[in-house]
């Protein structure tokens, strides 16, 4: 059984990294 907190610790930094890459992509493509 995995604790939700441990799961969130793994997911949140990953999502943040992906989010940054998406924002950078949109800026580069001129959407933002």
PDB file of N, CA and C in Angstrom:
ATOM      1  N   UNK A   1       0.846  -1.201   0.000  1.00  0.00           N
ATOM      2  CA  UNK A   1       0.000   0.000   0.000  1.00  0.00           C
ATOM      3  C   UNK A   1       0.877   1.246   0.000  1.00  0.00           C
ATOM      4  N   UNK A   2       0.598   2.124  -0.926  1.00  0.00           N
ATOM      5  CA  UNK A   2       1.370   3.374  -1.031  1.00  0.00           C
ATOM      6  C   UNK A   2       0.566   4.509  -0.404  1.00  0.00           C
ATOM      7  N   UNK A   3       1.234   5.274   0.451  1.00  0.00           N
ATOM      8  CA  UNK A   3       0.565   6.421   1.048  1.00  0.00           C
ATOM      9  C   UNK A   3       0.351   7.505   0.007  1.00  0.00           C
ATOM     10  N   UNK A   4      -0.758   8.208   0.113  1.00  0.00           N
ATOM     11  CA  UNK A   4      -1.092   9.256  -0.844  1.00  0.00           C
ATOM     12  C   UNK A   4      -0.042  10.363  -0.834  1.00  0.00           C
ATOM     13  N   UNK A   5       0.472  10.681   0.355  1.00  0.00           N
ATOM     14  CA  UNK A   5       1.492  11.741   0.452  1.00  0.00           C
ATOM     15  C   UNK A   5       2.747  11.371  -0.332  1.00  0.00           C
ATOM     16  N   UNK A   6       3.162  10.097  -0.209  1.00  0.00           N
ATOM     17  CA  UNK A   6       4.348   9.649  -0.938  1.00  0.00           C
ATOM     18  C   UNK A   6       4.108   9.705  -2.446  1.00  0.00           C
ATOM     19  N   UNK A   7       2.890   9.345  -2.829  1.00  0.00           N
ATOM     20  CA  UNK A   7       2.529   9.377  -4.243  1.00  0.00           C
ATOM     21  C   UNK A   7       2.555  10.814  -4.768  1.00  0.00           C
ATOM     22  N   UNK A   8       2.007  11.730  -3.984  1.00  0.00           N
ATOM     23  CA  UNK A   8       1.989  13.130  -4.387  1.00  0.00           C
ATOM     24  C   UNK A   8       3.398  13.715  -4.486  1.00  0.00           C
ATOM     25  N   UNK A   9       4.268  13.292  -3.587  1.00  0.00           N
ATOM     26  CA  UNK A   9       5.657  13.774  -3.628  1.00  0.00           C
ATOM     27  C   UNK A   9       6.335  13.384  -4.936  1.00  0.00           C
ATOM     28  N   UNK A  10       5.942  12.242  -5.470  1.00  0.00           N
ATOM     29  CA  UNK A  10       6.530  11.786  -6.729  1.00  0.00           C
ATOM     30  C   UNK A  10       5.864  12.455  -7.929  1.00  0.00           C
ATOM     31  N   UNK A  11       4.560  12.632  -7.858  1.00  0.00           N
ATOM     32  CA  UNK A  11       3.813  13.165  -9.000  1.00  0.00           C
ATOM     33  C   UNK A  11       3.973  14.673  -9.162  1.00  0.00           C
ATOM     34  N   UNK A  12       3.907  15.413  -8.052  1.00  0.00           N
ATOM     35  CA  UNK A  12       3.892  16.873  -8.143  1.00  0.00           C
ATOM     36  C   UNK A  12       5.135  17.453  -8.824  1.00  0.00           C
ATOM     37  N   UNK A  13       6.353  17.066  -8.428  1.00  0.00           N
ATOM     38  CA  UNK A  13       7.526  17.612  -9.111  1.00  0.00           C
ATOM     39  C   UNK A  13       7.546  17.247 -10.601  1.00  0.00           C
ATOM     40  N   UNK A  14       7.077  16.051 -10.926  1.00  0.00           N
ATOM     41  CA  UNK A  14       7.041  15.613 -12.317  1.00  0.00           C
ATOM     42  C   UNK A  14       6.079  16.487 -13.118  1.00  0.00           C
ATOM     43  N   UNK A  15       4.889  16.717 -12.553  1.00  0.00           N
ATOM     44  CA  UNK A  15       3.910  17.548 -13.239  1.00  0.00           C
ATOM     45  C   UNK A  15       4.425  18.968 -13.413  1.00  0.00           C
ATOM     46  N   UNK A  16       5.124  19.473 -12.406  1.00  0.00           N
ATOM     47  CA  UNK A  16       5.661  20.823 -12.462  1.00  0.00           C
ATOM     48  C   UNK A  16       6.670  20.955 -13.600  1.00  0.00           C
ATOM     49  N   UNK A  17       7.494  19.915 -13.754  1.00  0.00           N
ATOM     50  CA  UNK A  17       8.501  19.914 -14.812  1.00  0.00           C
ATOM     51  C   UNK A  17       7.837  19.887 -16.186  1.00  0.00           C
ATOM     52  N   UNK A  18       6.822  19.045 -16.334  1.00  0.00           N
ATOM     53  CA  UNK A  18       6.095  18.948 -17.595  1.00  0.00           C
ATOM     54  C   UNK A  18       5.395  20.272 -17.899  1.00  0.00           C
ATOM     55  N   UNK A  19       4.777  20.854 -16.860  1.00  0.00           N
ATOM     56  CA  UNK A  19       4.069  22.126 -17.011  1.00  0.00           C
ATOM     57  C   UNK A  19       5.011  23.208 -17.525  1.00  0.00           C
ATOM     58  N   UNK A  20       6.227  23.256 -16.951  1.00  0.00           N
ATOM     59  CA  UNK A  20       7.226  24.245 -17.381  1.00  0.00           C
ATOM     60  C   UNK A  20       7.608  24.041 -18.837  1.00  0.00           C
ATOM     61  N   UNK A  21       7.760  22.778 -19.245  1.00  0.00           N
ATOM     62  CA  UNK A  21       8.124  22.480 -20.628  1.00  0.00           C
ATOM     63  C   UNK A  21       7.007  22.899 -21.580  1.00  0.00           C
ATOM     64  N   UNK A  22       5.760  22.673 -21.167  1.00  0.00           N
ATOM     65  CA  UNK A  22       4.615  23.054 -21.993  1.00  0.00           C
ATOM     66  C   UNK A  22       4.544  24.575 -22.148  1.00  0.00           C
ATOM     67  N   UNK A  23       4.721  25.298 -21.040  1.00  0.00           N
ATOM     68  CA  UNK A  23       4.715  26.764 -21.083  1.00  0.00           C
ATOM     69  C   UNK A  23       5.830  27.279 -21.987  1.00  0.00           C
ATOM     70  N   UNK A  24       7.016  26.705 -21.837  1.00  0.00           N
ATOM     71  CA  UNK A  24       8.157  27.123 -22.660  1.00  0.00           C
ATOM     72  C   UNK A  24       7.869  26.866 -24.140  1.00  0.00           C
ATOM     73  N   UNK A  25       7.234  25.738 -24.423  1.00  0.00           N
ATOM     74  CA  UNK A  25       6.885  25.405 -25.811  1.00  0.00           C
ATOM     75  C   UNK A  25       5.895  26.416 -26.381  1.00  0.00           C
ATOM     76  N   UNK A  26       4.852  26.736 -25.615  1.00  0.00           N
ATOM     77  CA  UNK A  26       3.849  27.684 -26.087  1.00  0.00           C
ATOM     78  C   UNK A  26       4.449  29.064 -26.311  1.00  0.00           C
ATOM     79  N   UNK A  27       5.341  29.480 -25.418  1.00  0.00           N
ATOM     80  CA  UNK A  27       5.995  30.778 -25.583  1.00  0.00           C
ATOM     81  C   UNK A  27       6.850  30.790 -26.844  1.00  0.00           C
ATOM     82  N   UNK A  28       7.560  29.702 -27.070  1.00  0.00           N
ATOM     83  CA  UNK A  28       8.432  29.596 -28.241  1.00  0.00           C
ATOM     84  C   UNK A  28       7.610  29.613 -29.529  1.00  0.00           C
ATOM     85  N   UNK A  29       6.441  28.989 -29.476  1.00  0.00           N
ATOM     86  CA  UNK A  29       5.592  28.925 -30.661  1.00  0.00           C
ATOM     87  C   UNK A  29       4.735  30.184 -30.829  1.00  0.00           C
ATOM     88  N   UNK A  30       4.770  31.068 -29.824  1.00  0.00           N
ATOM     89  CA  UNK A  30       4.068  32.338 -29.942  1.00  0.00           C
ATOM     90  C   UNK A  30       2.609  32.317 -29.507  1.00  0.00           C
ATOM     91  N   UNK A  31       2.212  31.322 -28.735  1.00  0.00           N
ATOM     92  CA  UNK A  31       0.827  31.260 -28.257  1.00  0.00           C
ATOM     93  C   UNK A  31       0.596  32.155 -27.047  1.00  0.00           C
ATOM     94  N   UNK A  32       1.663  32.412 -26.278  1.00  0.00           N
ATOM     95  CA  UNK A  32       1.511  33.230 -25.070  1.00  0.00           C
ATOM     96  C   UNK A  32       2.242  34.555 -25.234  1.00  0.00           C
TER      97      UNK A  32
END
